[in-house]
Amino acid sequence: MLTLQGKKVYLRALEPEDLDFIHEIENTEDFWEISSTQAPYSKFLIRQYIENAHRDIYDIKQLRLMICSKRHRRLGLIDVFELEPKDRRAAIGILIANKKDRKKGFGSESLSLLCDYCFTHLGLHQVYANVTEGNKDSMRVFESNGFRKVGLKKDWTLFNGEFKDEWLYQLLNNVH
């Protein structure tokens, strides 16, 4: 089986045709809390981002992939960011855009595929995620994929005038 293909979803590189989908996600205020976004993104900036998405992960320290259903429908985005090659670690973020597509296993399978990719192709020793307190769906997805809560950052994020705690989740690749 290919690393980025599962039974329900596959992960692929960004394409110019993804512009409107990504623009909608980046400008949906409901998602700003999890992405640390504070202002809208223009289509111009997103187009530039897509045009440069082919650059080497070791150069730009991040990789964003589109999550697609087996019927080629865009479901969301999954990211590798804050890549630290020396320490062989990176952060992971995931978003299933439409609420109707959540709790169907798409996010969990996407996360599993990306972790396999990180460990197999990037040679990472660990991946981690930051999950805001109260984001039960994200907690469940990471925990079901073997991530462990390893720390709590108190009053870590400020959103809509309220400080929220943030959990640090970690998954180690125990294959050396």
Protein backbone atom coordinates (compact mmCIF):
# COMPACT_ATOMS: atom_id res chain seq x y z
CA MET A 1 0.00 0.00 0.00
CA LEU A 2 1.20 3.52 -0.70
CA THR A 3 2.07 5.57 2.37
CA LEU A 4 -0.43 8.35 1.74
CA GLN A 5 -3.37 6.17 0.67
CA GLY A 6 -5.81 4.58 3.06
CA LYS A 7 -9.14 2.80 2.85
CA LYS A 8 -11.25 5.96 3.28
CA VAL A 9 -8.92 8.80 2.31
CA TYR A 10 -5.74 9.74 0.55
CA LEU A 11 -3.40 12.67 1.12
CA ARG A 12 -2.07 14.64 -1.81
CA ALA A 13 -0.05 17.73 -2.61
CA LEU A 14 -1.86 21.04 -2.99
CA GLU A 15 -3.04 21.97 -6.48
CA PRO A 16 -3.98 25.37 -7.96
CA GLU A 17 -7.61 24.15 -8.04
CA ASP A 18 -7.56 24.03 -4.22
CA LEU A 19 -7.45 27.83 -3.95
CA ASP A 20 -11.15 28.40 -3.15
CA PHE A 21 -11.29 25.51 -0.67
CA ILE A 22 -8.21 26.70 1.23
CA HIS A 23 -9.39 30.32 1.08
CA GLU A 24 -12.69 29.31 2.68
CA ILE A 25 -10.94 27.35 5.45
CA GLU A 26 -8.41 30.08 6.23
CA ASN A 27 -11.17 32.69 6.41
CA THR A 28 -13.65 30.74 8.53
CA GLU A 29 -13.44 32.40 11.93
CA ASP A 30 -14.58 29.21 13.69
CA PHE A 31 -11.21 27.68 12.73
CA TRP A 32 -9.04 30.61 13.82
CA GLU A 33 -8.71 29.35 17.37
CA ILE A 34 -7.02 26.12 16.29
CA SER A 35 -4.86 27.75 13.61
CA SER A 36 -3.79 30.81 15.64
CA THR A 37 -5.08 32.99 12.81
CA GLN A 38 -6.01 36.54 13.69
CA ALA A 39 -6.95 38.05 10.33
CA PRO A 40 -8.33 36.92 6.97
CA TYR A 41 -6.03 35.71 4.19
CA SER A 42 -6.36 37.02 0.65
CA LYS A 43 -6.66 34.73 -2.34
CA PHE A 44 -3.46 36.33 -3.61
CA LEU A 45 -1.48 35.17 -0.56
CA ILE A 46 -3.01 31.70 -0.64
CA ARG A 47 -2.24 31.41 -4.37
CA GLN A 48 1.39 32.31 -3.61
CA TYR A 49 1.46 29.72 -0.84
CA ILE A 50 0.12 27.01 -3.19
CA GLU A 51 2.66 28.00 -5.86
CA ASN A 52 5.47 27.50 -3.34
CA ALA A 53 4.06 24.37 -1.70
CA HIS A 54 6.35 22.19 -3.82
CA ARG A 55 9.44 23.45 -1.99
CA ASP A 56 11.42 20.93 0.02
CA ILE A 57 10.13 20.29 3.54
CA TYR A 58 13.68 20.57 4.89
CA ASP A 59 13.95 24.04 3.35
CA ILE A 60 10.63 25.53 4.49
CA LYS A 61 10.13 23.31 7.58
CA GLN A 62 6.51 22.53 6.73
CA LEU A 63 4.30 20.44 4.48
CA ARG A 64 0.57 20.87 3.91
CA LEU A 65 -1.46 18.12 2.26
CA MET A 66 -5.05 17.94 1.10
CA ILE A 67 -7.22 15.22 2.65
CA CYS A 68 -9.45 13.70 -0.05
CA SER A 69 -12.12 11.02 -0.01
CA LYS A 70 -11.76 8.03 -2.30
CA ARG A 71 -14.25 9.83 -4.56
CA HIS A 72 -11.77 12.74 -4.80
CA ARG A 73 -13.81 15.12 -2.64
CA ARG A 74 -11.77 17.58 -0.57
CA LEU A 75 -12.34 16.93 3.12
CA GLY A 76 -9.71 19.04 4.84
CA LEU A 77 -6.06 19.74 5.40
CA ILE A 78 -3.27 18.10 7.35
CA ASP A 79 0.03 19.78 8.11
CA VAL A 80 3.53 18.96 9.21
CA PHE A 81 5.17 22.09 10.60
CA GLU A 82 7.91 23.25 12.96
CA LEU A 83 10.12 20.53 11.48
CA GLU A 84 13.33 20.17 13.47
CA PRO A 85 15.60 17.87 11.40
CA LYS A 86 18.37 17.80 14.01
CA ASP A 87 16.00 16.63 16.72
CA ARG A 88 13.95 14.56 14.25
CA ARG A 89 10.59 15.95 15.34
CA ALA A 90 7.71 17.94 13.89
CA ALA A 91 4.28 19.20 14.83
CA ILE A 92 1.09 17.98 13.18
CA GLY A 93 -2.17 19.80 12.65
CA ILE A 94 -5.37 18.49 11.10
CA LEU A 95 -8.71 19.91 10.09
CA ILE A 96 -11.77 18.23 8.60
CA ALA A 97 -13.61 21.26 7.23
CA ASN A 98 -17.26 20.19 7.10
CA LYS A 99 -18.92 19.11 10.35
CA LYS A 100 -20.86 16.45 8.38
CA ASP A 101 -17.55 14.77 7.50
CA ARG A 102 -16.34 14.56 11.10
CA LYS A 103 -16.59 11.47 13.31
CA LYS A 104 -16.46 9.19 10.25
CA GLY A 105 -12.84 8.10 10.58
CA PHE A 106 -11.45 10.48 7.93
CA GLY A 107 -9.36 12.46 10.40
CA SER A 108 -8.08 9.41 12.23
CA GLU A 109 -7.01 7.65 9.06
CA SER A 110 -5.41 10.84 7.71
CA LEU A 111 -3.44 11.24 10.92
CA SER A 112 -2.31 7.62 10.79
CA LEU A 113 -1.16 8.01 7.17
CA LEU A 114 0.74 11.19 7.94
CA CYS A 115 2.46 9.70 10.98
CA ASP A 116 3.56 6.70 8.91
CA TYR A 117 4.89 9.11 6.29
CA CYS A 118 6.77 11.14 8.92
CA PHE A 119 8.39 8.07 10.45
CA THR A 120 9.06 6.17 7.20
CA HIS A 121 10.01 8.88 4.71
CA LEU A 122 11.17 11.77 6.86
CA GLY A 123 12.92 9.58 9.43
CA LEU A 124 11.38 11.44 12.34
CA HIS A 125 11.69 10.12 15.88
CA GLN A 126 8.56 11.89 17.11
CA VAL A 127 5.57 13.96 16.13
CA TYR A 128 3.50 16.13 18.41
CA ALA A 129 0.32 18.18 18.47
CA ASN A 130 -1.10 21.00 20.53
CA VAL A 131 -4.80 20.65 21.35
CA THR A 132 -6.85 23.33 23.07
CA GLU A 133 -8.61 22.22 26.24
CA GLY A 134 -12.19 21.30 25.39
CA ASN A 135 -11.49 20.19 21.81
CA LYS A 136 -12.70 16.67 22.62
CA ASP A 137 -12.90 15.52 18.99
CA SER A 138 -9.21 16.34 18.37
CA MET A 139 -8.21 14.74 21.65
CA ARG A 140 -10.04 11.56 20.67
CA VAL A 141 -8.42 11.47 17.21
CA PHE A 142 -4.89 11.90 18.56
CA GLU A 143 -5.40 9.46 21.44
CA SER A 144 -6.89 6.82 19.12
CA ASN A 145 -3.70 7.06 17.04
CA GLY A 146 -1.41 6.36 19.98
CA PHE A 147 -0.57 9.95 20.94
CA ARG A 148 -0.14 10.50 24.67
CA LYS A 149 -0.89 13.59 26.71
CA VAL A 150 2.50 14.63 28.04
CA GLY A 151 1.90 18.12 29.32
CA LEU A 152 -0.54 20.92 29.98
CA LYS A 153 0.26 24.52 29.07
CA LYS A 154 -1.85 26.72 31.36
CA ASP A 155 -3.57 29.81 29.89
CA TRP A 156 -1.62 29.17 26.68
CA THR A 157 -3.91 30.66 24.04
CA LEU A 158 -6.00 33.79 24.10
CA PHE A 159 -9.11 33.63 21.94
CA ASN A 160 -12.09 35.97 22.10
CA GLY A 161 -10.76 37.50 25.30
CA GLU A 162 -10.48 34.17 27.12
CA PHE A 163 -7.31 32.27 28.00
CA LYS A 164 -7.45 28.53 27.36
CA ASP A 165 -5.19 25.70 28.42
CA GLU A 166 -3.52 23.64 25.72
CA TRP A 167 -2.52 19.97 25.89
CA LEU A 168 0.70 18.73 24.37
CA TYR A 169 0.32 15.33 22.68
CA GLN A 170 3.30 13.27 21.59
CA LEU A 171 3.86 10.10 19.53
CA LEU A 172 7.27 8.48 19.51
CA ASN A 173 8.49 6.22 16.74
CA ASN A 174 9.79 3.28 18.70
CA VAL A 175 11.41 1.70 15.63
CA HIS A 176 15.08 2.67 15.57
